[in-house]
């Protein structure tokens, strides 16, 4: 379904964890990474399409997330001809997107990249808020910048544009004003199924032989950084 200008209606999803890091997915059998996104079907609202795409690409359901913002208008990007199928060249120009910002209220182990028979991603990780601007394919970069910038006003304790997050493979030290809650590993990831796809999100919480893990929860009254 294309509009008169040749753009396909689409939704984009920025999913935040408790540390304001964003979900970043690796496209199946490719070396490129991106946010979850997908087309709006005939008769769907952008919100309905967003929840459908969220489940298809990450396995998450509405009860696992909270919608905290969306872009006011459509954001457009054009797709270079070399990425367009020959049969639709001259008609299809690109995507026009409504972007949603979600807060993860479920657990990392609720994420499942094989929720459908046609997965979009084969790996995922958490990145700091602005890192995708440096990593996304070039023709999507302007739209990513517009979406991240517009939605950043909804993010508590927003890190600076060029700040890079620590890797899940390294140690993290709780901030002085953070509240630390200790929970058992079994509580955090009790439903990890055998043979689940490896990813840093699960590896960080499913360490064998560890009885407990400390989760850092940011204060509710934290203010965004400039």
N, C-alpha and C. Protein backbone atom coordinates (compact mmCIF):
# COMPACT_ATOMS: atom_id res chain seq x y z
N UNK A 1 0.84 -1.19 0.00
CA UNK A 1 0.00 0.00 0.00
C UNK A 1 0.88 1.24 0.00
N UNK A 2 0.81 2.01 -1.09
CA UNK A 2 1.61 3.22 -1.21
C UNK A 2 0.71 4.44 -1.25
N UNK A 3 1.24 5.58 -0.77
CA UNK A 3 0.48 6.81 -0.91
C UNK A 3 0.72 7.38 -2.31
N UNK A 4 0.15 8.52 -2.59
CA UNK A 4 0.24 9.09 -3.93
C UNK A 4 1.66 9.45 -4.33
N UNK A 5 2.50 9.67 -3.34
CA UNK A 5 3.88 10.04 -3.63
C UNK A 5 4.82 8.84 -3.68
N UNK A 6 4.29 7.65 -3.47
CA UNK A 6 5.12 6.46 -3.56
C UNK A 6 5.75 6.01 -2.25
N UNK A 7 5.23 6.52 -1.12
CA UNK A 7 5.76 6.13 0.19
C UNK A 7 4.83 5.13 0.87
N UNK A 8 5.41 4.13 1.48
CA UNK A 8 4.64 3.10 2.18
C UNK A 8 4.45 3.51 3.64
N UNK A 9 3.21 3.55 4.15
CA UNK A 9 2.98 3.85 5.57
C UNK A 9 3.62 2.78 6.46
N UNK A 10 4.25 3.22 7.52
CA UNK A 10 5.12 2.34 8.29
C UNK A 10 5.17 2.84 9.73
N UNK A 11 5.52 1.96 10.65
CA UNK A 11 5.78 2.37 12.03
C UNK A 11 7.20 2.00 12.41
N UNK A 12 7.82 2.83 13.25
CA UNK A 12 9.13 2.54 13.81
C UNK A 12 9.01 2.49 15.33
N UNK A 13 9.85 1.67 15.96
CA UNK A 13 9.74 1.43 17.40
C UNK A 13 11.08 1.66 18.08
N UNK A 14 11.09 2.56 19.06
CA UNK A 14 12.26 2.75 19.92
C UNK A 14 11.87 2.20 21.29
N UNK A 15 12.52 1.12 21.69
CA UNK A 15 12.20 0.44 22.94
C UNK A 15 13.29 0.70 23.96
N UNK A 16 12.91 1.27 25.11
CA UNK A 16 13.86 1.60 26.17
C UNK A 16 13.80 0.59 27.30
N UNK A 17 14.97 0.33 27.91
CA UNK A 17 14.98 -0.43 29.15
C UNK A 17 15.06 0.53 30.33
N UNK A 18 15.25 0.03 31.54
CA UNK A 18 15.26 0.87 32.73
C UNK A 18 16.45 1.82 32.77
N UNK A 19 17.49 1.53 31.99
CA UNK A 19 18.68 2.40 31.95
C UNK A 19 18.64 3.36 30.77
N UNK A 20 17.48 3.45 30.10
CA UNK A 20 17.32 4.30 28.92
C UNK A 20 18.21 3.88 27.76
N UNK A 21 18.56 2.61 27.72
CA UNK A 21 19.23 2.05 26.56
C UNK A 21 18.16 1.56 25.58
N UNK A 22 18.49 1.54 24.30
CA UNK A 22 17.52 1.19 23.27
C UNK A 22 17.78 -0.20 22.71
N UNK A 23 16.69 -0.88 22.37
CA UNK A 23 16.78 -2.19 21.72
C UNK A 23 17.29 -2.00 20.31
N UNK A 24 18.26 -2.83 19.95
CA UNK A 24 18.93 -2.72 18.66
C UNK A 24 19.02 -4.12 18.08
N UNK A 25 18.38 -4.35 16.91
CA UNK A 25 18.31 -5.69 16.35
C UNK A 25 19.18 -5.87 15.12
N UNK A 26 19.79 -7.03 15.00
CA UNK A 26 20.61 -7.37 13.82
C UNK A 26 19.72 -8.10 12.81
N UNK A 27 19.66 -7.57 11.60
CA UNK A 27 18.81 -8.16 10.57
C UNK A 27 19.26 -9.58 10.25
N UNK A 28 18.29 -10.42 10.00
CA UNK A 28 18.54 -11.85 9.78
C UNK A 28 19.55 -12.07 8.65
N UNK A 29 20.62 -12.78 8.98
CA UNK A 29 21.68 -13.16 8.03
C UNK A 29 22.30 -11.96 7.33
N UNK A 30 22.28 -10.81 7.98
CA UNK A 30 22.94 -9.61 7.46
C UNK A 30 23.83 -9.02 8.54
N UNK A 31 24.64 -8.04 8.15
CA UNK A 31 25.53 -7.39 9.11
C UNK A 31 24.98 -6.03 9.54
N UNK A 32 23.76 -5.70 9.14
CA UNK A 32 23.17 -4.41 9.48
C UNK A 32 22.25 -4.53 10.69
N UNK A 33 22.20 -3.43 11.47
CA UNK A 33 21.39 -3.36 12.68
C UNK A 33 20.38 -2.23 12.53
N UNK A 34 19.23 -2.37 13.18
CA UNK A 34 18.21 -1.32 13.09
C UNK A 34 17.20 -1.48 14.22
N UNK A 35 16.33 -0.44 14.34
CA UNK A 35 15.19 -0.52 15.24
C UNK A 35 14.10 -1.40 14.61
N UNK A 36 13.22 -1.98 15.41
CA UNK A 36 12.07 -2.68 14.84
C UNK A 36 11.21 -1.70 14.03
N UNK A 37 10.70 -2.16 12.91
CA UNK A 37 9.82 -1.34 12.09
C UNK A 37 9.03 -2.26 11.17
N UNK A 38 7.94 -1.72 10.59
CA UNK A 38 7.17 -2.53 9.65
C UNK A 38 5.99 -1.76 9.10
N UNK A 39 5.42 -2.27 8.02
CA UNK A 39 4.34 -1.59 7.33
C UNK A 39 3.01 -1.64 8.07
N UNK A 40 2.18 -0.64 7.78
CA UNK A 40 0.83 -0.57 8.33
C UNK A 40 -0.11 -1.24 7.33
N UNK A 41 -0.84 -2.25 7.77
CA UNK A 41 -1.75 -2.96 6.89
C UNK A 41 -3.04 -2.16 6.69
N UNK A 42 -3.74 -2.47 5.61
CA UNK A 42 -5.00 -1.80 5.32
C UNK A 42 -5.97 -2.00 6.48
N UNK A 43 -6.54 -0.90 6.98
CA UNK A 43 -7.50 -0.95 8.07
C UNK A 43 -6.89 -0.84 9.45
N UNK A 44 -5.56 -0.92 9.56
CA UNK A 44 -4.89 -0.79 10.85
C UNK A 44 -4.64 0.67 11.20
N UNK A 45 -4.67 0.98 12.48
CA UNK A 45 -4.16 2.27 12.96
C UNK A 45 -2.66 2.12 13.19
N UNK A 46 -1.92 3.24 13.24
CA UNK A 46 -0.50 3.13 13.57
C UNK A 46 -0.24 2.40 14.89
N UNK A 47 -1.09 2.62 15.89
CA UNK A 47 -0.89 1.96 17.19
C UNK A 47 -1.08 0.45 17.06
N UNK A 48 -2.10 0.02 16.34
CA UNK A 48 -2.33 -1.41 16.14
C UNK A 48 -1.16 -2.04 15.38
N UNK A 49 -0.69 -1.34 14.35
CA UNK A 49 0.44 -1.85 13.57
C UNK A 49 1.69 -1.95 14.44
N UNK A 50 1.88 -0.98 15.32
CA UNK A 50 3.06 -0.99 16.18
C UNK A 50 3.06 -2.22 17.09
N UNK A 51 1.93 -2.51 17.74
CA UNK A 51 1.88 -3.67 18.63
C UNK A 51 2.04 -4.98 17.85
N UNK A 52 1.51 -5.05 16.64
CA UNK A 52 1.69 -6.25 15.83
C UNK A 52 3.16 -6.43 15.46
N UNK A 53 3.80 -5.36 14.97
CA UNK A 53 5.20 -5.45 14.59
C UNK A 53 6.09 -5.72 15.81
N UNK A 54 5.74 -5.13 16.95
CA UNK A 54 6.52 -5.37 18.17
C UNK A 54 6.55 -6.86 18.49
N UNK A 55 5.39 -7.50 18.41
CA UNK A 55 5.35 -8.93 18.72
C UNK A 55 6.05 -9.75 17.65
N UNK A 56 5.83 -9.43 16.39
CA UNK A 56 6.43 -10.21 15.31
C UNK A 56 7.96 -10.15 15.35
N UNK A 57 8.52 -9.01 15.72
CA UNK A 57 9.97 -8.83 15.63
C UNK A 57 10.70 -9.05 16.94
N UNK A 58 10.02 -8.88 18.07
CA UNK A 58 10.69 -9.03 19.37
C UNK A 58 10.03 -10.05 20.29
N UNK A 59 8.82 -10.50 19.95
CA UNK A 59 8.10 -11.42 20.82
C UNK A 59 7.38 -10.75 21.97
N UNK A 60 7.52 -9.44 22.11
CA UNK A 60 6.89 -8.72 23.23
C UNK A 60 5.42 -8.44 22.93
N UNK A 61 4.63 -8.41 24.00
CA UNK A 61 3.20 -8.12 23.90
C UNK A 61 2.89 -6.80 24.62
N UNK A 62 1.67 -6.27 24.44
CA UNK A 62 1.35 -4.99 25.07
C UNK A 62 1.61 -4.94 26.57
N UNK A 63 1.43 -6.06 27.26
CA UNK A 63 1.65 -6.06 28.71
C UNK A 63 3.12 -5.97 29.09
N UNK A 64 4.02 -6.12 28.14
CA UNK A 64 5.46 -6.03 28.41
C UNK A 64 6.01 -4.62 28.26
N UNK A 65 5.20 -3.70 27.73
CA UNK A 65 5.71 -2.36 27.43
C UNK A 65 4.70 -1.30 27.84
N UNK A 66 5.18 -0.07 27.91
CA UNK A 66 4.33 1.09 28.14
C UNK A 66 4.64 2.12 27.05
N UNK A 67 3.61 2.61 26.38
CA UNK A 67 3.81 3.64 25.35
C UNK A 67 3.99 4.98 26.05
N UNK A 68 5.12 5.63 25.79
CA UNK A 68 5.38 6.91 26.46
C UNK A 68 5.48 8.09 25.50
N UNK A 69 5.42 7.83 24.20
CA UNK A 69 5.46 8.94 23.25
C UNK A 69 5.38 8.45 21.82
N UNK A 70 5.08 9.38 20.90
CA UNK A 70 5.08 9.10 19.47
C UNK A 70 5.36 10.39 18.73
N UNK A 71 5.83 10.27 17.50
CA UNK A 71 6.08 11.47 16.71
C UNK A 71 4.76 12.10 16.28
N UNK A 72 4.78 13.41 16.13
CA UNK A 72 3.55 14.12 15.77
C UNK A 72 3.14 13.85 14.33
N UNK A 73 4.11 13.79 13.43
CA UNK A 73 3.84 13.67 12.00
C UNK A 73 4.63 12.52 11.39
N UNK A 74 4.34 12.24 10.12
CA UNK A 74 5.08 11.24 9.38
C UNK A 74 6.51 11.71 9.13
N UNK A 75 7.45 10.80 9.28
CA UNK A 75 8.85 11.05 8.94
C UNK A 75 9.18 10.17 7.74
N UNK A 76 9.79 10.76 6.70
CA UNK A 76 10.00 10.04 5.44
C UNK A 76 11.47 9.81 5.14
N UNK A 77 11.75 8.66 4.53
CA UNK A 77 13.07 8.45 3.93
C UNK A 77 12.90 7.75 2.58
N UNK A 78 13.77 8.09 1.65
CA UNK A 78 13.76 7.46 0.33
C UNK A 78 14.77 6.32 0.30
N UNK A 79 14.41 5.26 -0.39
CA UNK A 79 15.27 4.08 -0.50
C UNK A 79 16.02 4.15 -1.83
N UNK A 80 17.35 4.03 -1.82
CA UNK A 80 18.11 4.04 -3.08
C UNK A 80 17.66 2.92 -4.01
N UNK A 81 17.74 3.17 -5.32
CA UNK A 81 17.26 2.21 -6.32
C UNK A 81 17.86 0.82 -6.16
N UNK A 82 19.12 0.75 -5.73
CA UNK A 82 19.77 -0.56 -5.65
C UNK A 82 19.13 -1.46 -4.59
N UNK A 83 18.33 -0.88 -3.69
CA UNK A 83 17.65 -1.67 -2.67
C UNK A 83 16.19 -1.94 -3.01
N UNK A 84 15.73 -1.44 -4.17
CA UNK A 84 14.33 -1.57 -4.56
C UNK A 84 14.19 -2.68 -5.60
N UNK A 85 13.20 -3.53 -5.41
CA UNK A 85 12.95 -4.59 -6.39
C UNK A 85 12.61 -3.98 -7.75
N UNK A 86 13.11 -4.61 -8.79
CA UNK A 86 12.97 -4.06 -10.14
C UNK A 86 11.52 -3.82 -10.52
N UNK A 87 10.62 -4.72 -10.10
CA UNK A 87 9.22 -4.62 -10.53
C UNK A 87 8.48 -3.43 -9.93
N UNK A 88 9.01 -2.84 -8.86
CA UNK A 88 8.32 -1.69 -8.26
C UNK A 88 9.09 -0.39 -8.43
N UNK A 89 10.20 -0.43 -9.13
CA UNK A 89 10.94 0.81 -9.38
C UNK A 89 10.09 1.75 -10.22
N UNK A 90 10.15 3.03 -9.88
CA UNK A 90 9.32 4.01 -10.56
C UNK A 90 8.01 4.26 -9.85
N UNK A 91 7.63 3.35 -8.95
CA UNK A 91 6.41 3.51 -8.16
C UNK A 91 6.74 3.70 -6.68
N UNK A 92 7.57 2.82 -6.17
CA UNK A 92 7.94 2.86 -4.76
C UNK A 92 9.14 3.78 -4.55
N UNK A 93 9.00 4.72 -3.59
CA UNK A 93 10.09 5.65 -3.29
C UNK A 93 10.73 5.40 -1.93
N UNK A 94 9.93 4.94 -0.97
CA UNK A 94 10.49 4.75 0.37
C UNK A 94 9.40 4.57 1.40
N UNK A 95 9.72 4.95 2.64
CA UNK A 95 8.81 4.75 3.76
C UNK A 95 8.44 6.10 4.39
N UNK A 96 7.20 6.19 4.86
CA UNK A 96 6.81 7.30 5.74
C UNK A 96 6.38 6.67 7.05
N UNK A 97 6.93 7.17 8.15
CA UNK A 97 6.83 6.46 9.42
C UNK A 97 6.28 7.32 10.55
N UNK A 98 5.47 6.69 11.38
CA UNK A 98 5.15 7.20 12.71
C UNK A 98 6.01 6.41 13.69
N UNK A 99 6.74 7.13 14.54
CA UNK A 99 7.65 6.47 15.48
C UNK A 99 7.04 6.48 16.88
N UNK A 100 7.16 5.34 17.57
CA UNK A 100 6.68 5.19 18.94
C UNK A 100 7.86 4.96 19.87
N UNK A 101 7.78 5.57 21.05
CA UNK A 101 8.77 5.35 22.11
C UNK A 101 8.10 4.51 23.20
N UNK A 102 8.69 3.36 23.51
CA UNK A 102 8.14 2.44 24.49
C UNK A 102 9.09 2.25 25.65
N UNK A 103 8.53 2.02 26.82
CA UNK A 103 9.31 1.66 28.00
C UNK A 103 9.09 0.17 28.27
N UNK A 104 10.17 -0.58 28.38
CA UNK A 104 10.09 -2.01 28.68
C UNK A 104 9.73 -2.19 30.15
N UNK A 105 8.60 -2.84 30.42
CA UNK A 105 8.23 -3.15 31.80
C UNK A 105 8.26 -4.65 32.04
N UNK A 106 8.55 -5.40 30.99
CA UNK A 106 8.77 -6.83 31.13
C UNK A 106 10.24 -7.09 31.43
N UNK A 107 10.68 -8.31 31.16
CA UNK A 107 12.05 -8.72 31.43
C UNK A 107 12.78 -9.00 30.12
N UNK A 108 14.10 -8.96 30.16
CA UNK A 108 14.88 -9.28 28.96
C UNK A 108 14.50 -10.65 28.41
N UNK A 109 14.22 -11.57 29.30
CA UNK A 109 13.92 -12.93 28.84
C UNK A 109 12.51 -13.05 28.24
N UNK A 110 11.72 -11.96 28.24
CA UNK A 110 10.46 -11.96 27.51
C UNK A 110 10.69 -11.75 26.01
N UNK A 111 11.86 -11.25 25.66
CA UNK A 111 12.18 -11.02 24.25
C UNK A 111 12.47 -12.35 23.56
N UNK A 112 11.80 -12.57 22.45
CA UNK A 112 11.99 -13.80 21.66
C UNK A 112 12.00 -13.41 20.19
N UNK A 113 13.11 -13.64 19.53
CA UNK A 113 13.25 -13.26 18.12
C UNK A 113 12.58 -14.26 17.18
N UNK A 114 12.09 -15.37 17.72
CA UNK A 114 11.45 -16.40 16.90
C UNK A 114 9.95 -16.49 17.20
N UNK A 115 9.33 -15.37 17.40
CA UNK A 115 7.89 -15.36 17.70
C UNK A 115 7.05 -15.74 16.49
N UNK A 116 7.60 -15.60 15.28
CA UNK A 116 6.90 -15.98 14.06
C UNK A 116 7.80 -16.90 13.23
N UNK A 117 7.24 -17.41 12.14
CA UNK A 117 8.02 -18.26 11.23
C UNK A 117 8.93 -17.46 10.32
N UNK A 118 8.80 -16.14 10.36
CA UNK A 118 9.61 -15.29 9.49
C UNK A 118 10.28 -14.20 10.34
N UNK A 119 11.29 -14.57 11.12
CA UNK A 119 11.94 -13.58 12.00
C UNK A 119 12.65 -12.49 11.22
N UNK A 120 12.66 -11.30 11.80
CA UNK A 120 13.35 -10.16 11.21
C UNK A 120 14.79 -10.09 11.69
N UNK A 121 15.04 -10.45 12.95
CA UNK A 121 16.36 -10.33 13.56
C UNK A 121 16.88 -11.70 13.98
N UNK A 122 18.22 -11.82 14.02
CA UNK A 122 18.81 -13.04 14.57
C UNK A 122 19.71 -12.76 15.77
N UNK A 123 19.79 -11.51 16.21
CA UNK A 123 20.53 -11.14 17.42
C UNK A 123 20.04 -9.77 17.86
N UNK A 124 20.26 -9.45 19.14
CA UNK A 124 19.87 -8.13 19.63
C UNK A 124 20.76 -7.74 20.79
N UNK A 125 20.72 -6.45 21.12
CA UNK A 125 21.49 -5.94 22.26
C UNK A 125 20.86 -4.61 22.69
N UNK A 126 21.29 -4.13 23.86
CA UNK A 126 20.92 -2.80 24.33
C UNK A 126 22.06 -1.84 24.01
N UNK A 127 21.73 -0.68 23.46
CA UNK A 127 22.72 0.36 23.16
C UNK A 127 22.30 1.66 23.83
N UNK A 128 23.26 2.55 24.06
CA UNK A 128 22.90 3.87 24.57
C UNK A 128 22.08 4.62 23.51
N UNK A 129 21.34 5.61 23.95
CA UNK A 129 20.26 6.21 23.16
C UNK A 129 20.69 6.68 21.77
N UNK A 130 21.85 7.33 21.66
CA UNK A 130 22.24 7.95 20.39
C UNK A 130 23.12 7.07 19.51
N UNK A 131 23.59 5.95 20.00
CA UNK A 131 24.50 5.09 19.23
C UNK A 131 23.94 4.68 17.86
N UNK A 132 22.64 4.39 17.72
CA UNK A 132 22.13 3.99 16.41
C UNK A 132 22.40 5.00 15.29
N UNK A 133 22.54 6.27 15.62
CA UNK A 133 22.83 7.25 14.57
C UNK A 133 24.15 6.96 13.88
N UNK A 134 25.10 6.39 14.59
CA UNK A 134 26.40 6.09 14.02
C UNK A 134 26.43 4.73 13.32
N UNK A 135 25.41 3.91 13.55
CA UNK A 135 25.46 2.53 13.07
C UNK A 135 24.42 2.20 12.00
N UNK A 136 23.33 2.96 11.91
CA UNK A 136 22.27 2.63 10.97
C UNK A 136 22.73 2.91 9.54
N UNK A 137 22.12 2.20 8.59
CA UNK A 137 22.42 2.43 7.18
C UNK A 137 22.16 3.89 6.83
N UNK A 138 22.97 4.43 5.94
CA UNK A 138 23.02 5.88 5.73
C UNK A 138 21.68 6.49 5.33
N UNK A 139 20.91 5.83 4.46
CA UNK A 139 19.69 6.48 3.97
C UNK A 139 18.59 6.58 5.03
N UNK A 140 18.76 5.89 6.17
CA UNK A 140 17.79 6.01 7.27
C UNK A 140 18.25 6.99 8.36
N UNK A 141 19.46 7.50 8.23
CA UNK A 141 20.06 8.25 9.33
C UNK A 141 19.29 9.52 9.68
N UNK A 142 18.84 10.27 8.68
CA UNK A 142 18.13 11.52 8.96
C UNK A 142 16.82 11.25 9.71
N UNK A 143 16.10 10.21 9.30
CA UNK A 143 14.85 9.88 9.99
C UNK A 143 15.13 9.43 11.42
N UNK A 144 16.18 8.64 11.62
CA UNK A 144 16.54 8.23 12.97
C UNK A 144 16.86 9.44 13.84
N UNK A 145 17.58 10.39 13.27
CA UNK A 145 17.92 11.59 14.06
C UNK A 145 16.67 12.38 14.41
N UNK A 146 15.76 12.53 13.45
CA UNK A 146 14.52 13.27 13.73
C UNK A 146 13.68 12.55 14.80
N UNK A 147 13.56 11.24 14.68
CA UNK A 147 12.75 10.49 15.65
C UNK A 147 13.37 10.51 17.04
N UNK A 148 14.66 10.23 17.12
CA UNK A 148 15.33 10.21 18.43
C UNK A 148 15.31 11.59 19.08
N UNK A 149 15.49 12.63 18.29
CA UNK A 149 15.50 13.99 18.83
C UNK A 149 14.12 14.38 19.33
N UNK A 150 13.09 14.15 18.52
CA UNK A 150 11.73 14.52 18.92
C UNK A 150 11.28 13.76 20.17
N UNK A 151 11.63 12.49 20.25
CA UNK A 151 11.15 11.66 21.36
C UNK A 151 12.03 11.73 22.59
N UNK A 152 13.20 12.34 22.48
CA UNK A 152 14.12 12.41 23.63
C UNK A 152 13.53 13.19 24.80
N UNK A 153 12.55 14.05 24.55
CA UNK A 153 11.95 14.83 25.64
C UNK A 153 11.17 13.95 26.61
N UNK A 154 10.82 12.73 26.17
CA UNK A 154 10.09 11.82 27.05
C UNK A 154 11.02 10.94 27.88
N UNK A 155 12.33 11.05 27.66
CA UNK A 155 13.28 10.13 28.27
C UNK A 155 13.88 10.74 29.52
N UNK A 156 13.81 10.03 30.65
CA UNK A 156 14.43 10.49 31.88
C UNK A 156 15.93 10.34 31.77
N UNK A 157 16.66 11.31 32.33
CA UNK A 157 18.11 11.26 32.42
C UNK A 157 18.74 10.96 31.08
N UNK A 158 18.30 11.68 30.05
CA UNK A 158 18.78 11.43 28.69
C UNK A 158 20.28 11.67 28.56
N UNK A 159 21.07 10.66 28.14
CA UNK A 159 22.50 10.88 27.94
C UNK A 159 22.77 11.79 26.76
N UNK A 160 23.96 12.38 26.74
CA UNK A 160 24.34 13.29 25.66
C UNK A 160 24.47 12.59 24.33
N UNK A 161 24.40 13.36 23.26
CA UNK A 161 24.40 12.84 21.88
C UNK A 161 25.58 11.94 21.59
N UNK A 162 26.78 12.26 22.11
CA UNK A 162 27.97 11.51 21.75
C UNK A 162 28.43 10.55 22.85
N UNK A 163 27.62 10.42 23.91
CA UNK A 163 28.01 9.50 24.99
C UNK A 163 27.79 8.07 24.54
N UNK A 164 28.69 7.20 24.90
CA UNK A 164 28.59 5.80 24.53
C UNK A 164 28.40 4.97 25.80
N UNK A 165 27.49 4.01 25.74
CA UNK A 165 27.21 3.20 26.92
C UNK A 165 28.27 2.14 27.11
N UNK A 166 28.38 1.69 28.38
CA UNK A 166 29.26 0.56 28.67
C UNK A 166 28.65 -0.70 28.09
N UNK A 167 29.49 -1.63 27.69
CA UNK A 167 29.01 -2.88 27.11
C UNK A 167 28.42 -3.76 28.19
N UNK A 168 27.50 -4.64 27.79
CA UNK A 168 26.97 -5.63 28.72
C UNK A 168 28.06 -6.58 29.18
N UNK A 169 29.17 -6.63 28.45
CA UNK A 169 30.24 -7.55 28.81
C UNK A 169 31.15 -6.95 29.88
N UNK A 170 30.99 -5.67 30.19
CA UNK A 170 31.81 -5.03 31.21
C UNK A 170 31.00 -4.76 32.45
N UNK A 171 31.70 -4.41 33.53
CA UNK A 171 31.02 -4.13 34.79
C UNK A 171 30.37 -2.76 34.75
N UNK A 172 29.26 -2.62 35.43
CA UNK A 172 28.57 -1.34 35.55
C UNK A 172 28.49 -1.00 37.02
N UNK A 173 28.71 0.27 37.35
CA UNK A 173 28.65 0.69 38.74
C UNK A 173 27.40 1.51 38.96
N UNK A 174 26.57 1.18 39.96
CA UNK A 174 25.36 1.95 40.20
C UNK A 174 25.68 3.41 40.48
N UNK A 175 24.82 4.30 39.97
CA UNK A 175 24.97 5.72 40.24
C UNK A 175 24.70 5.96 41.72
N UNK A 176 25.28 7.05 42.23
CA UNK A 176 25.17 7.34 43.66
C UNK A 176 23.73 7.54 44.09
N UNK A 177 22.89 8.10 43.19
CA UNK A 177 21.52 8.39 43.57
C UNK A 177 20.55 7.34 43.07
N UNK A 178 21.05 6.19 42.66
CA UNK A 178 20.17 5.15 42.15
C UNK A 178 19.71 4.24 43.28
N UNK A 179 18.55 3.67 43.10
CA UNK A 179 18.01 2.71 44.05
C UNK A 179 18.38 1.31 43.56
N UNK A 180 19.00 0.51 44.42
CA UNK A 180 19.44 -0.83 44.03
C UNK A 180 18.49 -1.86 44.62
N UNK A 181 17.95 -2.70 43.77
CA UNK A 181 17.03 -3.74 44.19
C UNK A 181 17.67 -5.08 43.87
N UNK A 182 17.71 -5.99 44.83
CA UNK A 182 18.30 -7.31 44.61
C UNK A 182 17.19 -8.34 44.43
N UNK A 183 17.26 -9.09 43.34
CA UNK A 183 16.27 -10.13 43.07
C UNK A 183 16.99 -11.38 42.63
N UNK A 184 16.32 -12.51 42.73
CA UNK A 184 16.97 -13.77 42.37
C UNK A 184 17.01 -13.93 40.86
N UNK A 185 18.03 -14.63 40.37
CA UNK A 185 18.13 -14.92 38.95
C UNK A 185 16.91 -15.70 38.48
N UNK A 186 16.42 -16.62 39.33
CA UNK A 186 15.27 -17.42 38.92
C UNK A 186 14.06 -16.53 38.67
N UNK A 187 13.92 -15.45 39.46
CA UNK A 187 12.80 -14.55 39.27
C UNK A 187 12.94 -13.75 37.99
N UNK A 188 14.15 -13.33 37.68
CA UNK A 188 14.36 -12.49 36.50
C UNK A 188 14.16 -13.26 35.21
N UNK A 189 14.70 -14.46 35.12
CA UNK A 189 14.69 -15.20 33.86
C UNK A 189 14.22 -16.63 34.05
N UNK A 190 13.13 -16.79 34.77
CA UNK A 190 12.66 -18.14 35.06
C UNK A 190 12.15 -18.85 33.83
N UNK A 191 11.79 -18.08 32.76
CA UNK A 191 11.19 -18.73 31.60
C UNK A 191 12.11 -18.78 30.40
N UNK A 192 13.43 -18.71 30.60
CA UNK A 192 14.33 -18.89 29.47
C UNK A 192 14.27 -20.35 29.03
N UNK A 193 13.91 -20.56 27.77
CA UNK A 193 13.77 -21.92 27.29
C UNK A 193 15.12 -22.46 26.83
N UNK A 194 15.36 -23.78 26.96
CA UNK A 194 16.61 -24.36 26.47
C UNK A 194 16.79 -24.09 24.99
N UNK A 195 18.00 -23.74 24.59
CA UNK A 195 18.30 -23.51 23.19
C UNK A 195 17.87 -22.17 22.67
N UNK A 196 17.48 -21.24 23.58
CA UNK A 196 17.06 -19.91 23.13
C UNK A 196 18.22 -19.20 22.47
N UNK A 197 17.89 -18.25 21.56
CA UNK A 197 18.95 -17.58 20.83
C UNK A 197 19.84 -16.80 21.78
N UNK A 198 21.16 -16.86 21.60
CA UNK A 198 22.07 -16.13 22.49
C UNK A 198 22.01 -14.65 22.20
N UNK A 199 22.06 -13.83 23.24
CA UNK A 199 22.18 -12.40 23.05
C UNK A 199 22.65 -11.79 24.35
N UNK A 200 23.28 -10.60 24.27
CA UNK A 200 23.82 -9.99 25.49
C UNK A 200 22.78 -9.71 26.55
N UNK A 201 21.52 -9.44 26.15
CA UNK A 201 20.50 -9.15 27.14
C UNK A 201 20.27 -10.33 28.06
N UNK A 202 20.20 -11.52 27.49
CA UNK A 202 20.00 -12.70 28.32
C UNK A 202 21.28 -13.09 29.03
N UNK A 203 22.40 -12.98 28.34
CA UNK A 203 23.66 -13.39 28.95
C UNK A 203 23.94 -12.59 30.22
N UNK A 204 23.48 -11.34 30.25
CA UNK A 204 23.76 -10.48 31.40
C UNK A 204 23.02 -10.94 32.64
N UNK A 205 21.89 -11.64 32.46
CA UNK A 205 21.08 -12.00 33.62
C UNK A 205 20.99 -13.50 33.87
N UNK A 206 21.44 -14.31 32.93
CA UNK A 206 21.30 -15.76 33.08
C UNK A 206 22.65 -16.42 33.28
N UNK A 207 23.46 -15.92 34.19
CA UNK A 207 24.77 -16.49 34.47
C UNK A 207 24.61 -17.68 35.41
N UNK A 208 25.10 -18.84 34.97
CA UNK A 208 24.95 -20.05 35.78
C UNK A 208 25.76 -19.95 37.06
N UNK A 209 25.19 -20.46 38.14
CA UNK A 209 25.90 -20.53 39.41
C UNK A 209 25.81 -19.26 40.23
N UNK A 210 25.13 -18.23 39.73
CA UNK A 210 24.98 -17.00 40.49
C UNK A 210 23.60 -16.99 41.13
N UNK A 211 23.55 -16.74 42.42
CA UNK A 211 22.28 -16.86 43.13
C UNK A 211 21.43 -15.61 43.04
N UNK A 212 22.06 -14.43 42.84
CA UNK A 212 21.29 -13.19 42.83
C UNK A 212 21.95 -12.17 41.94
N UNK A 213 21.16 -11.19 41.50
CA UNK A 213 21.67 -10.11 40.65
C UNK A 213 21.15 -8.79 41.16
N UNK A 214 21.92 -7.72 40.98
CA UNK A 214 21.50 -6.39 41.41
C UNK A 214 21.02 -5.61 40.21
N UNK A 215 19.81 -5.12 40.26
CA UNK A 215 19.26 -4.31 39.19
C UNK A 215 19.25 -2.86 39.63
N UNK A 216 19.70 -1.96 38.76
CA UNK A 216 19.71 -0.54 39.08
C UNK A 216 18.46 0.09 38.50
N UNK A 217 17.64 0.67 39.36
CA UNK A 217 16.42 1.32 38.94
C UNK A 217 16.59 2.81 39.09
N UNK A 218 16.39 3.56 38.01
CA UNK A 218 16.62 5.00 38.07
C UNK A 218 15.51 5.69 38.85
N UNK A 219 15.84 6.76 39.57
CA UNK A 219 14.83 7.50 40.33
C UNK A 219 13.74 8.05 39.42
N UNK A 220 12.52 8.09 39.92
CA UNK A 220 11.40 8.58 39.12
C UNK A 220 11.55 10.05 38.81
N UNK A 221 12.18 10.81 39.71
CA UNK A 221 12.26 12.25 39.53
C UNK A 221 13.51 12.68 38.80
N UNK A 222 14.22 11.75 38.17
CA UNK A 222 15.43 12.12 37.45
C UNK A 222 15.08 13.04 36.29
N UNK A 223 15.90 14.04 36.05
CA UNK A 223 15.63 15.02 35.00
C UNK A 223 16.49 14.73 33.77
N UNK A 224 15.97 15.06 32.55
CA UNK A 224 16.76 14.84 31.35
C UNK A 224 18.02 15.69 31.34
N UNK A 225 19.07 15.16 30.74
CA UNK A 225 20.27 15.95 30.53
C UNK A 225 20.12 16.76 29.26
N UNK A 226 20.79 17.89 29.17
CA UNK A 226 20.67 18.68 27.94
C UNK A 226 21.28 17.94 26.76
